[in-house]
Full PDB file with SEQRES, HELIX, SHEET, SSBOND, CRYST1, ORIGX, SCALE, CONECT and MASTER records, all heavy atoms in Angstrom:
SEQRES   1 A   30  LEU ARG LEU VAL PRO ILE GLU VAL VAL PRO THR GLY ALA          
SEQRES   2 A   30  HIS GLN GLN SER LEU TRP GLY GLY ALA GLY GLU GLN ASP          
SEQRES   3 A   30  GLU ARG ALA ARG                                              
HELIX    1 AA1 GLU A   24  ALA A   29  1                                   6    
CRYST1    1.000    1.000    1.000  90.00  90.00  90.00 P 1           1          
ORIGX1      1.000000  0.000000  0.000000        0.00000                         
ORIGX2      0.000000  1.000000  0.000000        0.00000                         
ORIGX3      0.000000  0.000000  1.000000        0.00000                         
SCALE1      1.000000  0.000000  0.000000        0.00000                         
SCALE2      0.000000  1.000000  0.000000        0.00000                         
SCALE3      0.000000  0.000000  1.000000        0.00000                         
ATOM      1  N   LEU A   1       0.853  -1.181   0.000  1.00  0.00           N  
ATOM      2  CA  LEU A   1       0.000   0.000   0.000  1.00  0.00           C  
ATOM      3  C   LEU A   1       0.892   1.234   0.000  1.00  0.00           C  
ATOM      4  O   LEU A   1       1.924   1.255   0.671  1.00  0.00           O  
ATOM      5  CB  LEU A   1      -0.899   0.050   1.234  1.00  0.00           C  
ATOM      6  CG  LEU A   1      -2.087  -0.911   1.318  1.00  0.00           C  
ATOM      7  CD1 LEU A   1      -2.806  -0.705   2.638  1.00  0.00           C  
ATOM      8  CD2 LEU A   1      -3.036  -0.686   0.163  1.00  0.00           C  
ATOM      9  N   ARG A   2       0.481   2.251  -0.730  1.00  0.00           N  
ATOM     10  CA  ARG A   2       1.250   3.496  -0.783  1.00  0.00           C  
ATOM     11  C   ARG A   2       0.295   4.673  -0.744  1.00  0.00           C  
ATOM     12  O   ARG A   2      -0.677   4.718  -1.517  1.00  0.00           O  
ATOM     13  CB  ARG A   2       2.103   3.547  -2.047  1.00  0.00           C  
ATOM     14  CG  ARG A   2       2.995   4.790  -2.158  1.00  0.00           C  
ATOM     15  CD  ARG A   2       3.957   4.665  -3.326  1.00  0.00           C  
ATOM     16  NE  ARG A   2       4.705   5.873  -3.562  1.00  0.00           N  
ATOM     17  CZ  ARG A   2       5.801   6.242  -2.911  1.00  0.00           C  
ATOM     18  NH1 ARG A   2       6.262   5.452  -1.943  1.00  0.00           N  
ATOM     19  NH2 ARG A   2       6.433   7.348  -3.189  1.00  0.00           N  
ATOM     20  N   LEU A   3       0.562   5.620   0.152  1.00  0.00           N  
ATOM     21  CA  LEU A   3      -0.235   6.828   0.302  1.00  0.00           C  
ATOM     22  C   LEU A   3       0.591   8.011  -0.194  1.00  0.00           C  
ATOM     23  O   LEU A   3       1.687   8.258   0.315  1.00  0.00           O  
ATOM     24  CB  LEU A   3      -0.635   7.042   1.769  1.00  0.00           C  
ATOM     25  CG  LEU A   3      -1.402   5.900   2.447  1.00  0.00           C  
ATOM     26  CD1 LEU A   3      -1.615   6.222   3.918  1.00  0.00           C  
ATOM     27  CD2 LEU A   3      -2.730   5.656   1.759  1.00  0.00           C  
ATOM     28  N   VAL A   4       0.061   8.733  -1.183  1.00  0.00           N  
ATOM     29  CA  VAL A   4       0.772   9.853  -1.792  1.00  0.00           C  
ATOM     30  C   VAL A   4      -0.095  11.101  -1.671  1.00  0.00           C  
ATOM     31  O   VAL A   4      -1.228  11.118  -2.168  1.00  0.00           O  
ATOM     32  CB  VAL A   4       1.090   9.588  -3.277  1.00  0.00           C  
ATOM     33  CG1 VAL A   4       1.873  10.749  -3.873  1.00  0.00           C  
ATOM     34  CG2 VAL A   4       1.850   8.283  -3.439  1.00  0.00           C  
ATOM     35  N   PRO A   5       0.390  12.168  -1.010  1.00  0.00           N  
ATOM     36  CA  PRO A   5      -0.412  13.400  -0.948  1.00  0.00           C  
ATOM     37  C   PRO A   5      -0.407  14.116  -2.297  1.00  0.00           C  
ATOM     38  O   PRO A   5       0.641  14.375  -2.883  1.00  0.00           O  
ATOM     39  CB  PRO A   5       0.308  14.232   0.128  1.00  0.00           C  
ATOM     40  CG  PRO A   5       1.714  13.738   0.096  1.00  0.00           C  
ATOM     41  CD  PRO A   5       1.656  12.279  -0.281  1.00  0.00           C  
ATOM     42  N   ILE A   6      -1.577  14.439  -2.805  1.00  0.00           N  
ATOM     43  CA  ILE A   6      -1.711  15.137  -4.086  1.00  0.00           C  
ATOM     44  C   ILE A   6      -1.889  16.633  -3.875  1.00  0.00           C  
ATOM     45  O   ILE A   6      -1.277  17.446  -4.559  1.00  0.00           O  
ATOM     46  CB  ILE A   6      -2.894  14.557  -4.881  1.00  0.00           C  
ATOM     47  CG1 ILE A   6      -2.681  13.059  -5.131  1.00  0.00           C  
ATOM     48  CG2 ILE A   6      -3.051  15.291  -6.212  1.00  0.00           C  
ATOM     49  CD1 ILE A   6      -1.402  12.720  -5.890  1.00  0.00           C  
ATOM     50  N   GLU A   7      -2.706  17.018  -2.910  1.00  0.00           N  
ATOM     51  CA  GLU A   7      -2.911  18.427  -2.591  1.00  0.00           C  
ATOM     52  C   GLU A   7      -2.829  18.607  -1.081  1.00  0.00           C  
ATOM     53  O   GLU A   7      -3.439  17.847  -0.326  1.00  0.00           O  
ATOM     54  CB  GLU A   7      -4.265  18.924  -3.098  1.00  0.00           C  
ATOM     55  CG  GLU A   7      -4.372  18.996  -4.610  1.00  0.00           C  
ATOM     56  CD  GLU A   7      -5.708  19.539  -5.069  1.00  0.00           C  
ATOM     57  OE1 GLU A   7      -6.483  19.990  -4.187  1.00  0.00           O  
ATOM     58  OE2 GLU A   7      -5.979  19.506  -6.274  1.00  0.00           O  
ATOM     59  N   VAL A   8      -2.062  19.599  -0.659  1.00  0.00           N  
ATOM     60  CA  VAL A   8      -1.925  19.905   0.759  1.00  0.00           C  
ATOM     61  C   VAL A   8      -2.184  21.395   0.970  1.00  0.00           C  
ATOM     62  O   VAL A   8      -2.025  22.208   0.054  1.00  0.00           O  
ATOM     63  CB  VAL A   8      -0.527  19.532   1.296  1.00  0.00           C  
ATOM     64  CG1 VAL A   8      -0.312  18.037   1.231  1.00  0.00           C  
ATOM     65  CG2 VAL A   8       0.568  20.258   0.527  1.00  0.00           C  
ATOM     66  N   VAL A   9      -2.603  21.733   2.172  1.00  0.00           N  
ATOM     67  CA  VAL A   9      -2.849  23.126   2.548  1.00  0.00           C  
ATOM     68  C   VAL A   9      -2.165  23.370   3.884  1.00  0.00           C  
ATOM     69  O   VAL A   9      -1.907  22.428   4.641  1.00  0.00           O  
ATOM     70  CB  VAL A   9      -4.361  23.430   2.659  1.00  0.00           C  
ATOM     71  CG1 VAL A   9      -5.052  23.275   1.329  1.00  0.00           C  
ATOM     72  CG2 VAL A   9      -5.016  22.532   3.710  1.00  0.00           C  
ATOM     73  N   PRO A  10      -1.838  24.629   4.190  1.00  0.00           N  
ATOM     74  CA  PRO A  10      -1.281  24.916   5.517  1.00  0.00           C  
ATOM     75  C   PRO A  10      -2.262  24.529   6.615  1.00  0.00           C  
ATOM     76  O   PRO A  10      -3.475  24.639   6.461  1.00  0.00           O  
ATOM     77  CB  PRO A  10      -1.042  26.430   5.486  1.00  0.00           C  
ATOM     78  CG  PRO A  10      -0.953  26.767   4.031  1.00  0.00           C  
ATOM     79  CD  PRO A  10      -1.856  25.812   3.322  1.00  0.00           C  
ATOM     80  N   THR A  11      -1.730  24.048   7.707  1.00  0.00           N  
ATOM     81  CA  THR A  11      -2.573  23.652   8.829  1.00  0.00           C  
ATOM     82  C   THR A  11      -3.404  24.835   9.293  1.00  0.00           C  
ATOM     83  O   THR A  11      -2.885  25.924   9.524  1.00  0.00           O  
ATOM     84  CB  THR A  11      -1.712  23.143   9.993  1.00  0.00           C  
ATOM     85  OG1 THR A  11      -0.907  22.055   9.528  1.00  0.00           O  
ATOM     86  CG2 THR A  11      -2.576  22.673  11.140  1.00  0.00           C  
ATOM     87  N   GLY A  12      -4.700  24.621   9.404  1.00  0.00           N  
ATOM     88  CA  GLY A  12      -5.594  25.694   9.815  1.00  0.00           C  
ATOM     89  C   GLY A  12      -6.124  26.532   8.682  1.00  0.00           C  
ATOM     90  O   GLY A  12      -6.926  27.436   8.905  1.00  0.00           O  
ATOM     91  N   ALA A  13      -5.666  26.255   7.439  1.00  0.00           N  
ATOM     92  CA  ALA A  13      -6.133  27.071   6.310  1.00  0.00           C  
ATOM     93  C   ALA A  13      -7.540  26.709   5.885  1.00  0.00           C  
ATOM     94  O   ALA A  13      -8.217  27.508   5.251  1.00  0.00           O  
ATOM     95  CB  ALA A  13      -5.189  26.914   5.121  1.00  0.00           C  
ATOM     96  N   HIS A  14      -8.004  25.495   6.220  1.00  0.00           N  
ATOM     97  CA  HIS A  14      -9.350  25.099   5.819  1.00  0.00           C  
ATOM     98  C   HIS A  14     -10.371  25.788   6.693  1.00  0.00           C  
ATOM     99  O   HIS A  14     -10.362  25.661   7.918  1.00  0.00           O  
ATOM    100  CB  HIS A  14      -9.508  23.575   5.926  1.00  0.00           C  
ATOM    101  CG  HIS A  14     -10.848  23.098   5.482  1.00  0.00           C  
ATOM    102  ND1 HIS A  14     -11.847  22.782   6.373  1.00  0.00           N  
ATOM    103  CD2 HIS A  14     -11.366  22.911   4.247  1.00  0.00           C  
ATOM    104  CE1 HIS A  14     -12.924  22.389   5.705  1.00  0.00           C  
ATOM    105  NE2 HIS A  14     -12.664  22.464   4.428  1.00  0.00           N  
ATOM    106  N   GLN A  15     -11.259  26.541   6.089  1.00  0.00           N  
ATOM    107  CA  GLN A  15     -12.261  27.318   6.811  1.00  0.00           C  
ATOM    108  C   GLN A  15     -13.430  26.429   7.210  1.00  0.00           C  
ATOM    109  O   GLN A  15     -14.077  25.810   6.362  1.00  0.00           O  
ATOM    110  CB  GLN A  15     -12.762  28.463   5.939  1.00  0.00           C  
ATOM    111  CG  GLN A  15     -13.799  29.321   6.616  1.00  0.00           C  
ATOM    112  CD  GLN A  15     -13.207  30.091   7.777  1.00  0.00           C  
ATOM    113  OE1 GLN A  15     -12.117  30.635   7.670  1.00  0.00           O  
ATOM    114  NE2 GLN A  15     -13.925  30.140   8.881  1.00  0.00           N  
ATOM    115  N   GLN A  16     -13.717  26.348   8.502  1.00  0.00           N  
ATOM    116  CA  GLN A  16     -14.858  25.586   8.971  1.00  0.00           C  
ATOM    117  C   GLN A  16     -16.135  26.425   8.823  1.00  0.00           C  
ATOM    118  O   GLN A  16     -16.084  27.627   8.569  1.00  0.00           O  
ATOM    119  CB  GLN A  16     -14.656  25.199  10.446  1.00  0.00           C  
ATOM    120  CG  GLN A  16     -13.446  24.309  10.673  1.00  0.00           C  
ATOM    121  CD  GLN A  16     -13.600  22.953  10.054  1.00  0.00           C  
ATOM    122  OE1 GLN A  16     -14.721  22.463   9.888  1.00  0.00           O  
ATOM    123  NE2 GLN A  16     -12.493  22.324   9.698  1.00  0.00           N  
ATOM    124  N   SER A  17     -17.262  25.771   9.003  1.00  0.00           N  
ATOM    125  CA  SER A  17     -18.528  26.481   8.869  1.00  0.00           C  
ATOM    126  C   SER A  17     -18.749  27.419  10.058  1.00  0.00           C  
ATOM    127  O   SER A  17     -18.049  27.358  11.066  1.00  0.00           O  
ATOM    128  CB  SER A  17     -19.689  25.478   8.776  1.00  0.00           C  
ATOM    129  OG  SER A  17     -19.685  24.614   9.897  1.00  0.00           O  
ATOM    130  N   LEU A  18     -19.749  28.290   9.935  1.00  0.00           N  
ATOM    131  CA  LEU A  18     -19.914  29.385  10.870  1.00  0.00           C  
ATOM    132  C   LEU A  18     -20.160  28.902  12.286  1.00  0.00           C  
ATOM    133  O   LEU A  18     -19.667  29.484  13.250  1.00  0.00           O  
ATOM    134  CB  LEU A  18     -21.072  30.278  10.397  1.00  0.00           C  
ATOM    135  CG  LEU A  18     -21.357  31.512  11.243  1.00  0.00           C  
ATOM    136  CD1 LEU A  18     -20.151  32.437  11.258  1.00  0.00           C  
ATOM    137  CD2 LEU A  18     -22.582  32.239  10.710  1.00  0.00           C  
ATOM    138  N   TRP A  19     -20.910  27.820  12.442  1.00  0.00           N  
ATOM    139  CA  TRP A  19     -21.317  27.401  13.780  1.00  0.00           C  
ATOM    140  C   TRP A  19     -20.462  26.256  14.308  1.00  0.00           C  
ATOM    141  O   TRP A  19     -20.918  25.425  15.065  1.00  0.00           O  
ATOM    142  CB  TRP A  19     -22.795  27.007  13.782  1.00  0.00           C  
ATOM    143  CG  TRP A  19     -23.654  28.094  13.257  1.00  0.00           C  
ATOM    144  CD1 TRP A  19     -24.356  28.100  12.100  1.00  0.00           C  
ATOM    145  CD2 TRP A  19     -23.865  29.371  13.850  1.00  0.00           C  
ATOM    146  NE1 TRP A  19     -24.996  29.287  11.920  1.00  0.00           N  
ATOM    147  CE2 TRP A  19     -24.723  30.091  12.987  1.00  0.00           C  
ATOM    148  CE3 TRP A  19     -23.427  29.990  15.020  1.00  0.00           C  
ATOM    149  CZ2 TRP A  19     -25.140  31.390  13.266  1.00  0.00           C  
ATOM    150  CZ3 TRP A  19     -23.844  31.277  15.288  1.00  0.00           C  
ATOM    151  CH2 TRP A  19     -24.697  31.957  14.429  1.00  0.00           C  
ATOM    152  N   GLY A  20     -19.218  26.206  13.892  1.00  0.00           N  
ATOM    153  CA  GLY A  20     -18.279  25.288  14.544  1.00  0.00           C  
ATOM    154  C   GLY A  20     -18.207  23.929  13.912  1.00  0.00           C  
ATOM    155  O   GLY A  20     -18.712  22.961  14.474  1.00  0.00           O  
ATOM    156  N   GLY A  21     -17.581  23.801  12.757  1.00  0.00           N  
ATOM    157  CA  GLY A  21     -17.365  22.503  12.157  1.00  0.00           C  
ATOM    158  C   GLY A  21     -18.296  22.228  11.007  1.00  0.00           C  
ATOM    159  O   GLY A  21     -19.291  22.919  10.783  1.00  0.00           O  
ATOM    160  N   ALA A  22     -17.981  21.155  10.276  1.00  0.00           N  
ATOM    161  CA  ALA A  22     -18.772  20.820   9.106  1.00  0.00           C  
ATOM    162  C   ALA A  22     -20.074  20.127   9.460  1.00  0.00           C  
ATOM    163  O   ALA A  22     -20.991  20.089   8.679  1.00  0.00           O  
ATOM    164  CB  ALA A  22     -17.945  19.938   8.162  1.00  0.00           C  
ATOM    165  N   GLY A  23     -20.150  19.567  10.658  1.00  0.00           N  
ATOM    166  CA  GLY A  23     -21.380  18.914  11.057  1.00  0.00           C  
ATOM    167  C   GLY A  23     -21.334  17.410  10.845  1.00  0.00           C  
ATOM    168  O   GLY A  23     -20.759  16.911   9.880  1.00  0.00           O  
ATOM    169  N   GLU A  24     -21.979  16.680  11.767  1.00  0.00           N  
ATOM    170  CA  GLU A  24     -21.959  15.216  11.694  1.00  0.00           C  
ATOM    171  C   GLU A  24     -22.725  14.721  10.469  1.00  0.00           C  
ATOM    172  O   GLU A  24     -22.315  13.747   9.828  1.00  0.00           O  
ATOM    173  CB  GLU A  24     -22.573  14.647  12.976  1.00  0.00           C  
ATOM    174  CG  GLU A  24     -22.581  13.124  13.024  1.00  0.00           C  
ATOM    175  CD  GLU A  24     -23.193  12.610  14.303  1.00  0.00           C  
ATOM    176  OE1 GLU A  24     -23.506  13.422  15.189  1.00  0.00           O  
ATOM    177  OE2 GLU A  24     -23.370  11.385  14.407  1.00  0.00           O  
ATOM    178  N   GLN A  25     -23.825  15.377  10.118  1.00  0.00           N  
ATOM    179  CA  GLN A  25     -24.597  14.930   8.967  1.00  0.00           C  
ATOM    180  C   GLN A  25     -23.823  15.118   7.670  1.00  0.00           C  
ATOM    181  O   GLN A  25     -23.885  14.274   6.769  1.00  0.00           O  
ATOM    182  CB  GLN A  25     -25.924  15.689   8.912  1.00  0.00           C  
ATOM    183  CG  GLN A  25     -26.867  15.379  10.072  1.00  0.00           C  
ATOM    184  CD  GLN A  25     -28.187  16.099   9.937  1.00  0.00           C  
ATOM    185  OE1 GLN A  25     -28.351  16.955   9.070  1.00  0.00           O  
ATOM    186  NE2 GLN A  25     -29.136  15.761  10.804  1.00  0.00           N  
ATOM    187  N   ASP A  26     -23.077  16.227   7.560  1.00  0.00           N  
ATOM    188  CA  ASP A  26     -22.257  16.423   6.362  1.00  0.00           C  
ATOM    189  C   ASP A  26     -21.205  15.341   6.234  1.00  0.00           C  
ATOM    190  O   ASP A  26     -20.951  14.816   5.138  1.00  0.00           O  
ATOM    191  CB  ASP A  26     -21.595  17.799   6.415  1.00  0.00           C  
ATOM    192  CG  ASP A  26     -22.607  18.931   6.326  1.00  0.00           C  
ATOM    193  OD1 ASP A  26     -23.723  18.665   5.855  1.00  0.00           O  
ATOM    194  OD2 ASP A  26     -22.279  20.046   6.731  1.00  0.00           O  
ATOM    195  N   GLU A  27     -20.565  14.991   7.332  1.00  0.00           N  
ATOM    196  CA  GLU A  27     -19.539  13.953   7.279  1.00  0.00           C  
ATOM    197  C   GLU A  27     -20.140  12.597   6.928  1.00  0.00           C  
ATOM    198  O   GLU A  27     -19.574  11.823   6.152  1.00  0.00           O  
ATOM    199  CB  GLU A  27     -18.814  13.884   8.629  1.00  0.00           C  
ATOM    200  CG  GLU A  27     -17.697  12.853   8.684  1.00  0.00           C  
ATOM    201  CD  GLU A  27     -16.602  13.131   7.676  1.00  0.00           C  
ATOM    202  OE1 GLU A  27     -16.412  14.294   7.292  1.00  0.00           O  
ATOM    203  OE2 GLU A  27     -15.937  12.154   7.249  1.00  0.00           O  
ATOM    204  N   ARG A  28     -21.316  12.285   7.465  1.00  0.00           N  
ATOM    205  CA  ARG A  28     -21.979  11.022   7.135  1.00  0.00           C  
ATOM    206  C   ARG A  28     -22.343  10.986   5.655  1.00  0.00           C  
ATOM    207  O   ARG A  28     -22.213   9.954   5.001  1.00  0.00           O  
ATOM    208  CB  ARG A  28     -23.227  10.849   8.003  1.00  0.00           C  
ATOM    209  CG  ARG A  28     -22.934  10.541   9.454  1.00  0.00           C  
ATOM    210  CD  ARG A  28     -24.200  10.586  10.289  1.00  0.00           C  
ATOM    211  NE  ARG A  28     -25.209   9.688   9.769  1.00  0.00           N  
ATOM    212  CZ  ARG A  28     -26.473   9.669  10.190  1.00  0.00           C  
ATOM    213  NH1 ARG A  28     -26.854  10.531  11.118  1.00  0.00           N  
ATOM    214  NH2 ARG A  28     -27.325   8.809   9.687  1.00  0.00           N  
ATOM    215  N   ALA A  29     -22.770  12.131   5.118  1.00  0.00           N  
ATOM    216  CA  ALA A  29     -23.109  12.181   3.693  1.00  0.00           C  
ATOM    217  C   ALA A  29     -21.872  11.954   2.835  1.00  0.00           C  
ATOM    218  O   ALA A  29     -21.921  11.229   1.834  1.00  0.00           O  
ATOM    219  CB  ALA A  29     -23.766  13.524   3.364  1.00  0.00           C  
ATOM    220  N   ARG A  30     -20.752  12.588   3.204  1.00  0.00           N  
ATOM    221  CA  ARG A  30     -19.524  12.383   2.432  1.00  0.00           C  
ATOM    222  C   ARG A  30     -19.068  10.938   2.483  1.00  0.00           C  
ATOM    223  O   ARG A  30     -18.632  10.372   1.483  1.00  0.00           O  
ATOM    224  CB  ARG A  30     -18.431  13.314   2.958  1.00  0.00           C  
ATOM    225  CG  ARG A  30     -18.609  14.766   2.570  1.00  0.00           C  
ATOM    226  CD  ARG A  30     -17.349  15.557   2.828  1.00  0.00           C  
ATOM    227  NE  ARG A  30     -17.087  15.686   4.256  1.00  0.00           N  
ATOM    228  CZ  ARG A  30     -17.492  16.715   5.004  1.00  0.00           C  
ATOM    229  NH1 ARG A  30     -18.190  17.688   4.436  1.00  0.00           N  
ATOM    230  NH2 ARG A  30     -17.194  16.772   6.274  1.00  0.00           N  
TER     231      ARG A  30                                                      
MASTER        0    0    0    1    0    0    0    6  230    1    0    3          
END                                                                             
């Protein structure tokens, strides 16, 4: 098995949603 990063961002650069996180339902959908 081999894991290769294709796209990376600075830690903390990903903007979460307004009310604190993406939400459990969004993660379940993904």
